[in-house]
Amino acid sequence: MRKTLSTLVAIVLALLTLGIVTLASSSSVKGSTELHDPLFFMKRQLVWLFIALVTGAVVVRIDYHWWRRLAWPMFGVCLVLLLLVFIPPFGHRAGGSARWIKLGPFSFQPSEAAKLAMIAFLAY
């Protein structure tokens, strides 16, 4: 079991590293010309990667029974959020489609939260 887990962690870290290197390589010209920092996009991605790793470390320590109790409430909240994108004060159009909810300077796609809710709901 430990060997399988360490292999999985090694593969994930290798893919994350490859992604960061690819991003740095492909976005350095745009970052340099538009933002005067060739590593701007890589730095921003590293910040989000750190946040994701910390979040993952916290979530993995939560007992799965807790998620089971939240399956229905998460499903309901996400359903409401998915419907809110069609209501003009809440929904924000980008690229010709309404997929975002804008709250002040922040915006998010309810479909991302719905993915987690659907996993919990189907597992329930």
N, C-alpha and C. Protein backbone atom coordinates (compact mmCIF):
# COMPACT_ATOMS: atom_id res chain seq x y z
N MET A 1 0.83 -1.19 0.00
CA MET A 1 0.00 0.00 0.00
C MET A 1 0.87 1.26 0.00
N ARG A 2 1.92 1.26 0.83
CA ARG A 2 2.78 2.45 0.89
C ARG A 2 3.52 2.69 -0.40
N LYS A 3 3.94 1.59 -1.05
CA LYS A 3 4.66 1.74 -2.32
C LYS A 3 3.74 2.31 -3.39
N THR A 4 2.50 1.86 -3.41
CA THR A 4 1.52 2.38 -4.37
C THR A 4 1.25 3.86 -4.12
N LEU A 5 1.11 4.23 -2.86
CA LEU A 5 0.86 5.62 -2.51
C LEU A 5 2.05 6.50 -2.88
N SER A 6 3.26 6.05 -2.57
CA SER A 6 4.43 6.85 -2.90
C SER A 6 4.62 6.96 -4.42
N THR A 7 4.27 5.92 -5.15
CA THR A 7 4.34 5.98 -6.61
C THR A 7 3.33 6.98 -7.15
N LEU A 8 2.13 6.96 -6.61
CA LEU A 8 1.10 7.90 -7.03
C LEU A 8 1.52 9.34 -6.73
N VAL A 9 2.05 9.58 -5.55
CA VAL A 9 2.51 10.93 -5.18
C VAL A 9 3.64 11.37 -6.12
N ALA A 10 4.56 10.47 -6.43
CA ALA A 10 5.67 10.80 -7.33
C ALA A 10 5.15 11.15 -8.73
N ILE A 11 4.18 10.42 -9.22
CA ILE A 11 3.62 10.70 -10.54
C ILE A 11 2.92 12.06 -10.55
N VAL A 12 2.14 12.33 -9.51
CA VAL A 12 1.44 13.62 -9.43
C VAL A 12 2.44 14.77 -9.36
N LEU A 13 3.47 14.64 -8.54
CA LEU A 13 4.48 15.69 -8.45
C LEU A 13 5.22 15.88 -9.77
N ALA A 14 5.49 14.79 -10.48
CA ALA A 14 6.14 14.90 -11.79
C ALA A 14 5.25 15.64 -12.79
N LEU A 15 3.96 15.33 -12.79
CA LEU A 15 3.03 16.02 -13.68
C LEU A 15 2.89 17.49 -13.33
N LEU A 16 2.84 17.80 -12.03
CA LEU A 16 2.77 19.20 -11.60
C LEU A 16 4.02 19.97 -12.04
N THR A 17 5.17 19.36 -11.87
CA THR A 17 6.42 19.99 -12.27
C THR A 17 6.45 20.21 -13.78
N LEU A 18 6.06 19.22 -14.53
CA LEU A 18 6.02 19.34 -15.98
C LEU A 18 5.07 20.46 -16.41
N GLY A 19 3.93 20.55 -15.76
CA GLY A 19 2.98 21.61 -16.07
C GLY A 19 3.53 22.99 -15.77
N ILE A 20 4.19 23.15 -14.64
CA ILE A 20 4.77 24.45 -14.27
C ILE A 20 5.87 24.84 -15.26
N VAL A 21 6.73 23.89 -15.61
CA VAL A 21 7.81 24.16 -16.57
C VAL A 21 7.23 24.53 -17.94
N THR A 22 6.22 23.80 -18.37
CA THR A 22 5.58 24.10 -19.65
C THR A 22 4.94 25.49 -19.63
N LEU A 23 4.28 25.83 -18.54
CA LEU A 23 3.67 27.15 -18.41
C LEU A 23 4.73 28.24 -18.45
N ALA A 24 5.82 28.06 -17.73
CA ALA A 24 6.90 29.05 -17.73
C ALA A 24 7.47 29.23 -19.13
N SER A 25 7.63 28.13 -19.82
CA SER A 25 8.19 28.18 -21.17
C SER A 25 7.25 28.86 -22.16
N SER A 26 5.97 28.54 -22.08
CA SER A 26 5.03 29.05 -23.08
C SER A 26 4.53 30.46 -22.80
N SER A 27 4.64 30.93 -21.58
CA SER A 27 4.09 32.26 -21.26
C SER A 27 5.14 33.30 -20.97
N SER A 28 6.40 32.96 -21.09
CA SER A 28 7.45 33.92 -20.73
C SER A 28 7.47 35.13 -21.65
N VAL A 29 7.22 34.94 -22.93
CA VAL A 29 7.24 36.07 -23.87
C VAL A 29 6.09 37.03 -23.57
N LYS A 30 4.89 36.50 -23.38
CA LYS A 30 3.73 37.36 -23.07
C LYS A 30 3.94 38.09 -21.75
N GLY A 31 4.42 37.37 -20.74
CA GLY A 31 4.68 38.01 -19.45
C GLY A 31 5.73 39.09 -19.55
N SER A 32 6.74 38.86 -20.35
CA SER A 32 7.83 39.83 -20.51
C SER A 32 7.36 41.07 -21.26
N THR A 33 6.61 40.89 -22.34
CA THR A 33 6.20 42.05 -23.14
C THR A 33 5.05 42.83 -22.52
N GLU A 34 4.07 42.13 -21.96
CA GLU A 34 2.89 42.82 -21.45
C GLU A 34 3.01 43.22 -19.98
N LEU A 35 3.70 42.42 -19.18
CA LEU A 35 3.73 42.65 -17.73
C LEU A 35 5.12 42.91 -17.19
N HIS A 36 6.11 42.91 -18.06
CA HIS A 36 7.51 43.16 -17.69
C HIS A 36 8.04 42.19 -16.65
N ASP A 37 7.49 40.99 -16.65
CA ASP A 37 7.95 39.93 -15.76
C ASP A 37 7.75 38.60 -16.49
N PRO A 38 8.83 38.02 -17.02
CA PRO A 38 8.67 36.79 -17.79
C PRO A 38 8.14 35.60 -16.97
N LEU A 39 8.24 35.66 -15.66
CA LEU A 39 7.77 34.56 -14.82
C LEU A 39 6.46 34.87 -14.11
N PHE A 40 5.75 35.92 -14.53
CA PHE A 40 4.52 36.33 -13.87
C PHE A 40 3.50 35.19 -13.80
N PHE A 41 3.23 34.55 -14.93
CA PHE A 41 2.21 33.50 -14.96
C PHE A 41 2.64 32.28 -14.17
N MET A 42 3.92 31.97 -14.20
CA MET A 42 4.41 30.83 -13.43
C MET A 42 4.28 31.11 -11.92
N LYS A 43 4.63 32.32 -11.51
CA LYS A 43 4.50 32.68 -10.09
C LYS A 43 3.05 32.59 -9.63
N ARG A 44 2.15 33.11 -10.47
CA ARG A 44 0.74 33.07 -10.11
C ARG A 44 0.25 31.62 -10.01
N GLN A 45 0.69 30.76 -10.93
CA GLN A 45 0.30 29.36 -10.89
C GLN A 45 0.88 28.66 -9.67
N LEU A 46 2.10 29.02 -9.27
CA LEU A 46 2.70 28.42 -8.07
C LEU A 46 1.93 28.79 -6.81
N VAL A 47 1.42 30.02 -6.76
CA VAL A 47 0.61 30.44 -5.61
C VAL A 47 -0.65 29.57 -5.54
N TRP A 48 -1.33 29.39 -6.68
CA TRP A 48 -2.54 28.57 -6.71
C TRP A 48 -2.21 27.11 -6.42
N LEU A 49 -1.06 26.64 -6.87
CA LEU A 49 -0.65 25.27 -6.58
C LEU A 49 -0.44 25.08 -5.08
N PHE A 50 0.20 26.04 -4.44
CA PHE A 50 0.40 25.97 -2.99
C PHE A 50 -0.94 25.93 -2.26
N ILE A 51 -1.87 26.79 -2.67
CA ILE A 51 -3.20 26.82 -2.05
C ILE A 51 -3.90 25.47 -2.24
N ALA A 52 -3.78 24.90 -3.44
CA ALA A 52 -4.41 23.62 -3.72
C ALA A 52 -3.79 22.49 -2.90
N LEU A 53 -2.47 22.50 -2.75
CA LEU A 53 -1.81 21.45 -1.96
C LEU A 53 -2.18 21.54 -0.48
N VAL A 54 -2.26 22.75 0.05
CA VAL A 54 -2.66 22.92 1.45
C VAL A 54 -4.12 22.48 1.63
N THR A 55 -4.98 22.89 0.70
CA THR A 55 -6.38 22.48 0.77
C THR A 55 -6.51 20.96 0.68
N GLY A 56 -5.75 20.35 -0.22
CA GLY A 56 -5.77 18.90 -0.35
C GLY A 56 -5.30 18.20 0.92
N ALA A 57 -4.27 18.75 1.56
CA ALA A 57 -3.76 18.16 2.80
C ALA A 57 -4.81 18.24 3.91
N VAL A 58 -5.60 19.31 3.93
CA VAL A 58 -6.65 19.45 4.93
C VAL A 58 -7.81 18.50 4.62
N VAL A 59 -8.23 18.47 3.38
CA VAL A 59 -9.38 17.66 2.99
C VAL A 59 -9.11 16.17 3.18
N VAL A 60 -7.90 15.73 2.93
CA VAL A 60 -7.59 14.31 3.04
C VAL A 60 -7.68 13.83 4.50
N ARG A 61 -7.60 14.73 5.44
CA ARG A 61 -7.67 14.36 6.85
C ARG A 61 -9.11 14.36 7.40
N ILE A 62 -10.06 14.77 6.58
CA ILE A 62 -11.46 14.81 7.01
C ILE A 62 -12.08 13.42 6.79
N ASP A 63 -12.78 12.95 7.79
CA ASP A 63 -13.44 11.65 7.72
C ASP A 63 -14.50 11.66 6.61
N TYR A 64 -14.56 10.61 5.83
CA TYR A 64 -15.47 10.58 4.69
C TYR A 64 -16.94 10.57 5.11
N HIS A 65 -17.24 10.17 6.33
CA HIS A 65 -18.63 10.21 6.79
C HIS A 65 -19.16 11.64 6.85
N TRP A 66 -18.27 12.58 7.11
CA TRP A 66 -18.64 13.99 7.16
C TRP A 66 -19.14 14.44 5.79
N TRP A 67 -18.47 14.00 4.73
CA TRP A 67 -18.88 14.37 3.37
C TRP A 67 -20.25 13.78 3.05
N ARG A 68 -20.50 12.60 3.59
CA ARG A 68 -21.79 11.96 3.32
C ARG A 68 -22.96 12.78 3.85
N ARG A 69 -22.77 13.34 5.06
CA ARG A 69 -23.83 14.18 5.63
C ARG A 69 -24.05 15.45 4.82
N LEU A 70 -23.02 15.91 4.12
CA LEU A 70 -23.13 17.15 3.35
C LEU A 70 -23.56 16.94 1.91
N ALA A 71 -23.76 15.71 1.48
CA ALA A 71 -24.05 15.44 0.07
C ALA A 71 -25.31 16.18 -0.41
N TRP A 72 -26.40 16.03 0.29
CA TRP A 72 -27.64 16.69 -0.14
C TRP A 72 -27.56 18.21 -0.03
N PRO A 73 -27.07 18.79 1.08
CA PRO A 73 -26.97 20.25 1.13
C PRO A 73 -26.05 20.82 0.06
N MET A 74 -24.92 20.15 -0.20
CA MET A 74 -24.01 20.64 -1.24
C MET A 74 -24.69 20.58 -2.61
N PHE A 75 -25.43 19.51 -2.86
CA PHE A 75 -26.14 19.36 -4.12
C PHE A 75 -27.16 20.49 -4.29
N GLY A 76 -27.90 20.79 -3.24
CA GLY A 76 -28.91 21.85 -3.30
C GLY A 76 -28.31 23.23 -3.51
N VAL A 77 -27.25 23.53 -2.77
CA VAL A 77 -26.59 24.84 -2.91
C VAL A 77 -26.02 25.00 -4.32
N CYS A 78 -25.39 23.97 -4.81
CA CYS A 78 -24.82 24.05 -6.16
C CYS A 78 -25.89 24.18 -7.23
N LEU A 79 -27.01 23.51 -7.05
CA LEU A 79 -28.11 23.65 -8.00
C LEU A 79 -28.61 25.09 -8.04
N VAL A 80 -28.75 25.71 -6.88
CA VAL A 80 -29.17 27.11 -6.82
C VAL A 80 -28.12 28.01 -7.49
N LEU A 81 -26.85 27.78 -7.20
CA LEU A 81 -25.79 28.58 -7.81
C LEU A 81 -25.76 28.42 -9.33
N LEU A 82 -25.99 27.20 -9.80
CA LEU A 82 -26.02 26.97 -11.25
C LEU A 82 -27.18 27.70 -11.90
N LEU A 83 -28.29 27.85 -11.20
CA LEU A 83 -29.42 28.60 -11.74
C LEU A 83 -29.21 30.10 -11.65
N LEU A 84 -28.44 30.56 -10.66
CA LEU A 84 -28.20 32.00 -10.49
C LEU A 84 -27.42 32.62 -11.65
N VAL A 85 -26.66 31.83 -12.38
CA VAL A 85 -25.89 32.41 -13.49
C VAL A 85 -26.81 32.95 -14.58
N PHE A 86 -28.06 32.52 -14.61
CA PHE A 86 -29.00 32.99 -15.62
C PHE A 86 -29.76 34.24 -15.19
N ILE A 87 -29.60 34.66 -13.94
CA ILE A 87 -30.29 35.85 -13.44
C ILE A 87 -29.32 37.02 -13.56
N PRO A 88 -29.67 38.07 -14.32
CA PRO A 88 -28.72 39.14 -14.66
C PRO A 88 -27.97 39.81 -13.51
N PRO A 89 -28.54 40.11 -12.37
CA PRO A 89 -27.69 40.76 -11.37
C PRO A 89 -26.57 39.86 -10.84
N PHE A 90 -26.78 38.55 -10.89
CA PHE A 90 -25.80 37.62 -10.34
C PHE A 90 -24.90 37.05 -11.41
N GLY A 91 -25.51 36.61 -12.50
CA GLY A 91 -24.75 35.98 -13.57
C GLY A 91 -23.91 36.99 -14.33
N HIS A 92 -22.74 36.58 -14.74
CA HIS A 92 -21.82 37.45 -15.48
C HIS A 92 -21.50 36.77 -16.80
N ARG A 93 -21.65 37.52 -17.88
CA ARG A 93 -21.36 36.98 -19.20
C ARG A 93 -19.90 37.21 -19.55
N ALA A 94 -19.27 36.17 -20.04
CA ALA A 94 -17.89 36.26 -20.51
C ALA A 94 -17.75 35.36 -21.73
N GLY A 95 -17.27 35.91 -22.82
CA GLY A 95 -17.12 35.12 -24.03
C GLY A 95 -18.44 34.71 -24.64
N GLY A 96 -19.52 35.46 -24.38
CA GLY A 96 -20.81 35.18 -24.97
C GLY A 96 -21.67 34.18 -24.22
N SER A 97 -21.20 33.70 -23.09
CA SER A 97 -22.02 32.75 -22.33
C SER A 97 -22.01 33.12 -20.86
N ALA A 98 -23.12 32.80 -20.21
CA ALA A 98 -23.27 33.11 -18.78
C ALA A 98 -22.83 31.89 -17.98
N ARG A 99 -21.61 31.94 -17.45
CA ARG A 99 -21.09 30.82 -16.66
C ARG A 99 -20.54 31.27 -15.31
N TRP A 100 -20.48 32.53 -15.07
CA TRP A 100 -19.79 33.06 -13.90
C TRP A 100 -20.76 33.77 -12.98
N ILE A 101 -20.44 33.76 -11.69
CA ILE A 101 -21.12 34.59 -10.70
C ILE A 101 -20.08 35.56 -10.20
N LYS A 102 -20.40 36.83 -10.29
CA LYS A 102 -19.45 37.87 -9.89
C LYS A 102 -19.87 38.46 -8.56
N LEU A 103 -18.95 38.43 -7.60
CA LEU A 103 -19.17 39.02 -6.28
C LEU A 103 -18.06 40.02 -6.02
N GLY A 104 -18.33 41.28 -6.30
CA GLY A 104 -17.30 42.30 -6.14
C GLY A 104 -16.13 42.04 -7.08
N PRO A 105 -14.92 42.03 -6.55
CA PRO A 105 -13.77 41.80 -7.42
C PRO A 105 -13.55 40.33 -7.76
N PHE A 106 -14.30 39.44 -7.12
CA PHE A 106 -14.12 38.01 -7.34
C PHE A 106 -15.22 37.46 -8.24
N SER A 107 -14.87 36.46 -9.01
CA SER A 107 -15.86 35.75 -9.80
C SER A 107 -15.50 34.26 -9.77
N PHE A 108 -16.51 33.43 -9.88
CA PHE A 108 -16.26 31.99 -9.86
C PHE A 108 -17.31 31.29 -10.71
N GLN A 109 -16.97 30.09 -11.13
CA GLN A 109 -17.89 29.27 -11.91
C GLN A 109 -18.54 28.25 -10.98
N PRO A 110 -19.85 28.32 -10.84
CA PRO A 110 -20.53 27.35 -9.98
C PRO A 110 -20.34 25.91 -10.45
N SER A 111 -20.03 25.72 -11.71
CA SER A 111 -19.85 24.35 -12.21
C SER A 111 -18.66 23.67 -11.55
N GLU A 112 -17.68 24.44 -11.12
CA GLU A 112 -16.52 23.84 -10.43
C GLU A 112 -16.94 23.28 -9.07
N ALA A 113 -17.76 24.02 -8.33
CA ALA A 113 -18.26 23.52 -7.05
C ALA A 113 -19.23 22.36 -7.27
N ALA A 114 -19.97 22.41 -8.39
CA ALA A 114 -20.93 21.34 -8.68
C ALA A 114 -20.23 20.02 -8.94
N LYS A 115 -19.00 20.06 -9.45
CA LYS A 115 -18.26 18.81 -9.67
C LYS A 115 -18.02 18.09 -8.34
N LEU A 116 -17.57 18.82 -7.34
CA LEU A 116 -17.36 18.22 -6.02
C LEU A 116 -18.67 17.75 -5.42
N ALA A 117 -19.71 18.57 -5.55
CA ALA A 117 -21.02 18.20 -5.00
C ALA A 117 -21.56 16.95 -5.69
N MET A 118 -21.35 16.84 -6.98
CA MET A 118 -21.85 15.67 -7.70
C MET A 118 -21.10 14.41 -7.28
N ILE A 119 -19.79 14.52 -7.05
CA ILE A 119 -19.03 13.38 -6.58
C ILE A 119 -19.55 12.91 -5.23
N ALA A 120 -19.76 13.86 -4.31
CA ALA A 120 -20.27 13.52 -2.97
C ALA A 120 -21.68 12.94 -3.06
N PHE A 121 -22.50 13.53 -3.92
CA PHE A 121 -23.88 13.07 -4.06
C PHE A 121 -23.94 11.66 -4.65
N LEU A 122 -23.16 11.40 -5.68
CA LEU A 122 -23.18 10.07 -6.30
C LEU A 122 -22.56 9.02 -5.39
N ALA A 123 -21.58 9.41 -4.59
CA ALA A 123 -20.99 8.47 -3.63
C ALA A 123 -21.98 8.15 -2.51
N TYR A 124 -22.84 9.12 -2.18
CA TYR A 124 -23.85 8.91 -1.15
C TYR A 124 -24.80 7.82 -1.58
